[in-house]
N, C-alpha and C. Protein backbone atom coordinates (compact mmCIF):
# COMPACT_ATOMS: atom_id res chain seq x y z
N MET A 1 110.43 56.58 81.51
CA MET A 1 109.61 57.12 82.58
C MET A 1 108.66 58.15 81.99
N PRO A 2 107.38 58.12 82.38
CA PRO A 2 106.41 59.06 81.81
C PRO A 2 106.65 60.48 82.30
N THR A 3 106.20 61.42 81.50
CA THR A 3 106.30 62.83 81.89
C THR A 3 105.28 63.11 82.97
N VAL A 4 105.74 63.75 84.02
CA VAL A 4 104.87 64.03 85.16
C VAL A 4 104.54 65.52 85.18
N GLN A 5 103.24 65.82 85.25
CA GLN A 5 102.82 67.21 85.34
C GLN A 5 102.61 67.57 86.81
N PRO A 6 102.90 68.79 87.17
CA PRO A 6 102.68 69.18 88.57
C PRO A 6 101.18 69.28 88.86
N PRO A 7 100.78 68.96 90.08
CA PRO A 7 99.36 69.06 90.42
C PRO A 7 98.89 70.52 90.52
N TYR A 8 97.69 70.78 90.05
CA TYR A 8 97.11 72.12 90.07
C TYR A 8 95.89 72.11 90.98
N VAL A 9 95.73 73.18 91.73
CA VAL A 9 94.54 73.38 92.56
C VAL A 9 93.98 74.75 92.21
N TYR A 10 92.70 74.78 91.85
CA TYR A 10 92.03 76.03 91.52
C TYR A 10 91.12 76.40 92.68
N ILE A 11 91.25 77.62 93.16
CA ILE A 11 90.45 78.10 94.28
C ILE A 11 89.60 79.28 93.78
N ASN A 12 88.29 79.09 93.78
CA ASN A 12 87.35 80.15 93.40
C ASN A 12 86.68 80.65 94.67
N LEU A 13 86.74 81.96 94.88
CA LEU A 13 86.16 82.56 96.07
C LEU A 13 84.79 83.15 95.75
N ALA A 14 83.77 82.73 96.51
CA ALA A 14 82.42 83.27 96.35
C ALA A 14 82.13 84.19 97.53
N LYS A 15 81.64 85.39 97.24
CA LYS A 15 81.31 86.35 98.29
C LYS A 15 79.93 86.03 98.86
N VAL A 16 79.82 86.10 100.18
CA VAL A 16 78.53 85.96 100.87
C VAL A 16 78.33 87.24 101.66
N ILE A 17 77.26 87.98 101.32
CA ILE A 17 76.96 89.25 101.97
C ILE A 17 75.73 89.07 102.84
N ASN A 18 75.84 89.42 104.13
CA ASN A 18 74.73 89.32 105.08
C ASN A 18 74.26 90.72 105.46
N GLU A 19 72.95 90.92 105.38
CA GLU A 19 72.34 92.17 105.85
C GLU A 19 71.33 91.80 106.93
N THR A 20 71.52 92.33 108.13
CA THR A 20 70.63 92.05 109.25
C THR A 20 69.90 93.32 109.63
N GLU A 21 68.58 93.30 109.46
CA GLU A 21 67.78 94.47 109.82
C GLU A 21 67.64 94.55 111.34
N PRO A 22 67.56 95.75 111.90
CA PRO A 22 67.51 95.90 113.36
C PRO A 22 66.16 95.47 113.94
N LEU A 23 66.17 95.11 115.23
CA LEU A 23 64.94 94.78 115.94
C LEU A 23 64.15 96.05 116.26
N ASP A 24 64.88 97.11 116.51
CA ASP A 24 64.26 98.39 116.84
C ASP A 24 64.56 99.39 115.73
N SER A 25 63.62 100.26 115.41
CA SER A 25 63.82 101.20 114.30
C SER A 25 64.92 102.21 114.59
N SER A 26 65.28 102.40 115.85
CA SER A 26 66.34 103.35 116.18
C SER A 26 67.74 102.76 115.99
N ASP A 27 67.83 101.43 115.84
CA ASP A 27 69.13 100.78 115.64
C ASP A 27 69.53 100.82 114.18
N ASN A 28 70.79 100.49 113.92
CA ASN A 28 71.32 100.49 112.55
C ASN A 28 71.26 99.09 111.95
N THR A 29 71.19 99.05 110.64
CA THR A 29 71.29 97.79 109.91
C THR A 29 72.73 97.32 109.95
N GLU A 30 72.93 96.02 110.18
CA GLU A 30 74.29 95.48 110.25
C GLU A 30 74.62 94.74 108.95
N TYR A 31 75.82 94.96 108.47
CA TYR A 31 76.30 94.29 107.27
C TYR A 31 77.55 93.49 107.61
N SER A 32 77.67 92.31 107.05
CA SER A 32 78.87 91.52 107.22
C SER A 32 79.06 90.68 105.96
N GLY A 33 80.22 90.11 105.85
CA GLY A 33 80.47 89.29 104.68
C GLY A 33 81.66 88.37 104.88
N ILE A 34 81.64 87.28 104.14
CA ILE A 34 82.75 86.33 104.14
C ILE A 34 82.96 85.86 102.71
N GLN A 35 84.07 85.20 102.50
CA GLN A 35 84.33 84.58 101.20
C GLN A 35 84.47 83.08 101.42
N ILE A 36 83.71 82.32 100.65
CA ILE A 36 83.73 80.86 100.76
C ILE A 36 84.54 80.30 99.59
N PRO A 37 85.56 79.49 99.89
CA PRO A 37 86.36 78.92 98.80
C PRO A 37 85.71 77.67 98.21
N LYS A 38 85.88 77.50 96.91
CA LYS A 38 85.48 76.28 96.22
C LYS A 38 86.74 75.74 95.55
N PHE A 39 87.13 74.53 95.92
CA PHE A 39 88.36 73.95 95.41
C PHE A 39 88.05 72.99 94.27
N THR A 40 88.79 73.13 93.18
CA THR A 40 88.70 72.18 92.08
C THR A 40 90.13 71.79 91.68
N THR A 41 90.25 70.58 91.20
CA THR A 41 91.56 70.08 90.80
C THR A 41 91.44 69.37 89.47
N THR A 42 92.57 69.10 88.89
CA THR A 42 92.61 68.26 87.70
C THR A 42 93.01 66.86 88.15
N ASN A 43 92.10 65.92 88.06
CA ASN A 43 92.33 64.57 88.60
C ASN A 43 93.45 63.82 87.91
N ASP A 44 93.75 64.16 86.68
CA ASP A 44 94.78 63.41 85.97
C ASP A 44 96.20 63.74 86.43
N VAL A 45 96.37 64.74 87.30
CA VAL A 45 97.72 65.07 87.76
C VAL A 45 97.85 65.00 89.28
N LEU A 46 96.88 64.42 89.96
CA LEU A 46 96.97 64.29 91.41
C LEU A 46 97.62 62.97 91.78
N PHE A 47 98.01 62.84 93.05
CA PHE A 47 98.55 61.58 93.55
C PHE A 47 97.38 60.62 93.75
N LEU A 48 97.18 59.70 92.82
CA LEU A 48 96.05 58.78 92.92
C LEU A 48 96.45 57.42 93.46
N THR A 49 97.66 56.99 93.19
CA THR A 49 98.12 55.69 93.67
C THR A 49 99.51 55.85 94.26
N GLU A 50 99.94 54.82 94.95
CA GLU A 50 101.27 54.85 95.55
C GLU A 50 102.34 54.91 94.45
N ASN A 51 102.08 54.26 93.35
CA ASN A 51 103.01 54.28 92.21
C ASN A 51 103.16 55.70 91.67
N ASP A 52 102.02 56.42 91.55
CA ASP A 52 102.07 57.81 91.08
C ASP A 52 102.85 58.68 92.05
N ASP A 53 102.67 58.41 93.34
CA ASP A 53 103.37 59.18 94.36
C ASP A 53 104.88 59.03 94.21
N ARG A 54 105.33 57.84 93.90
CA ARG A 54 106.78 57.61 93.72
C ARG A 54 107.33 58.40 92.53
N LEU A 55 106.53 58.54 91.49
CA LEU A 55 106.97 59.32 90.32
C LEU A 55 107.25 60.77 90.71
N TYR A 56 106.43 61.31 91.60
CA TYR A 56 106.60 62.71 91.99
C TYR A 56 107.80 62.93 92.90
N HIS A 57 108.29 61.89 93.53
CA HIS A 57 109.41 62.05 94.45
C HIS A 57 110.77 62.01 93.73
N ASN A 58 110.77 61.76 92.45
CA ASN A 58 112.01 61.84 91.67
C ASN A 58 112.30 63.29 91.34
N ASP A 59 113.51 63.54 90.88
CA ASP A 59 113.85 64.91 90.48
C ASP A 59 113.09 65.28 89.23
N PRO A 60 112.64 66.45 89.03
CA PRO A 60 112.68 67.62 89.90
C PRO A 60 111.64 67.52 91.01
N PRO A 61 111.76 68.36 92.04
CA PRO A 61 110.81 68.30 93.16
C PRO A 61 109.40 68.69 92.72
N THR A 62 108.42 68.22 93.47
CA THR A 62 107.02 68.50 93.17
C THR A 62 106.71 69.97 93.44
N ILE A 63 106.04 70.59 92.50
CA ILE A 63 105.61 71.97 92.66
C ILE A 63 104.09 71.98 92.60
N LEU A 64 103.46 72.35 93.70
CA LEU A 64 102.01 72.45 93.76
C LEU A 64 101.63 73.86 93.32
N THR A 65 100.83 73.95 92.28
CA THR A 65 100.43 75.24 91.74
C THR A 65 98.97 75.50 92.10
N SER A 66 98.70 76.69 92.61
CA SER A 66 97.31 77.04 92.91
C SER A 66 96.95 78.34 92.20
N HIS A 67 95.74 78.39 91.71
CA HIS A 67 95.20 79.57 91.05
C HIS A 67 94.03 80.07 91.88
N ILE A 68 94.08 81.31 92.33
CA ILE A 68 93.03 81.89 93.15
C ILE A 68 92.31 82.96 92.34
N SER A 69 90.98 82.85 92.29
CA SER A 69 90.20 83.86 91.58
C SER A 69 88.89 84.09 92.33
N GLU A 70 88.25 85.20 92.02
CA GLU A 70 86.99 85.55 92.66
C GLU A 70 85.87 85.37 91.65
N LEU A 71 84.79 84.71 92.08
CA LEU A 71 83.65 84.50 91.19
C LEU A 71 82.90 85.81 90.98
N PRO A 72 82.35 86.03 89.79
CA PRO A 72 81.61 87.28 89.56
C PRO A 72 80.25 87.29 90.28
N GLN A 73 79.73 86.13 90.65
CA GLN A 73 78.46 86.05 91.36
C GLN A 73 78.69 86.20 92.86
N TYR A 74 77.62 86.52 93.58
CA TYR A 74 77.70 86.58 95.04
C TYR A 74 76.39 86.08 95.62
N ILE A 75 76.42 85.73 96.91
CA ILE A 75 75.24 85.28 97.63
C ILE A 75 74.83 86.40 98.57
N TYR A 76 73.56 86.80 98.49
CA TYR A 76 73.05 87.88 99.33
C TYR A 76 72.04 87.29 100.31
N ASN A 77 72.27 87.47 101.60
CA ASN A 77 71.42 86.93 102.64
C ASN A 77 70.81 88.09 103.43
N LEU A 78 69.48 88.21 103.38
CA LEU A 78 68.79 89.27 104.11
C LEU A 78 68.07 88.65 105.30
N GLN A 79 68.41 89.13 106.49
CA GLN A 79 67.76 88.65 107.72
C GLN A 79 66.87 89.76 108.23
N GLN A 80 65.57 89.47 108.28
CA GLN A 80 64.64 90.47 108.77
C GLN A 80 63.61 89.81 109.67
N LEU A 81 62.88 90.63 110.39
CA LEU A 81 61.91 90.13 111.34
C LEU A 81 60.75 89.43 110.64
N ILE A 82 60.24 88.39 111.27
CA ILE A 82 59.04 87.72 110.76
C ILE A 82 57.81 88.51 111.20
N ALA A 83 57.84 89.02 112.43
CA ALA A 83 56.75 89.82 112.97
C ALA A 83 57.33 91.11 113.54
N LYS A 84 56.54 92.17 113.51
CA LYS A 84 56.98 93.45 114.07
C LYS A 84 57.00 93.36 115.60
N LYS A 85 57.85 94.17 116.22
CA LYS A 85 57.99 94.15 117.68
C LYS A 85 56.66 94.45 118.36
N THR A 86 55.88 95.40 117.83
CA THR A 86 54.59 95.74 118.43
C THR A 86 53.61 94.57 118.35
N GLU A 87 53.65 93.79 117.27
CA GLU A 87 52.78 92.63 117.15
C GLU A 87 53.12 91.58 118.20
N ILE A 88 54.39 91.38 118.45
CA ILE A 88 54.83 90.39 119.43
C ILE A 88 54.39 90.81 120.83
N ILE A 89 54.58 92.08 121.18
CA ILE A 89 54.19 92.59 122.50
C ILE A 89 52.67 92.50 122.67
N PHE A 90 51.90 92.89 121.65
CA PHE A 90 50.44 92.86 121.73
C PHE A 90 49.92 91.44 121.94
N LYS A 91 50.44 90.46 121.25
CA LYS A 91 49.99 89.07 121.36
C LYS A 91 50.38 88.46 122.70
N ASN A 92 51.48 88.90 123.30
CA ASN A 92 51.92 88.37 124.59
C ASN A 92 51.16 88.98 125.76
N ILE A 93 50.58 90.17 125.57
CA ILE A 93 49.80 90.82 126.64
C ILE A 93 48.43 90.20 126.64
């Protein structure tokens, strides 16, 4: 019987930072953020066929290993007005 390696899943977290500028100058700028996961695996140790699946059901039990890390890069999203509030009011009058 061939040696079976446990399946590995690598999870890389990318930060997404949002900055939303206010509509009015008296309001505050809003900041928010999320982390988006990117999953990668090693295809040579996943369940690819029914035959492979049977190999994993023998002793010892299957151990799914996951590695979680944070990417050094981040995504920065700036949301700002296309036109100033006074320009919009002037054009509508």
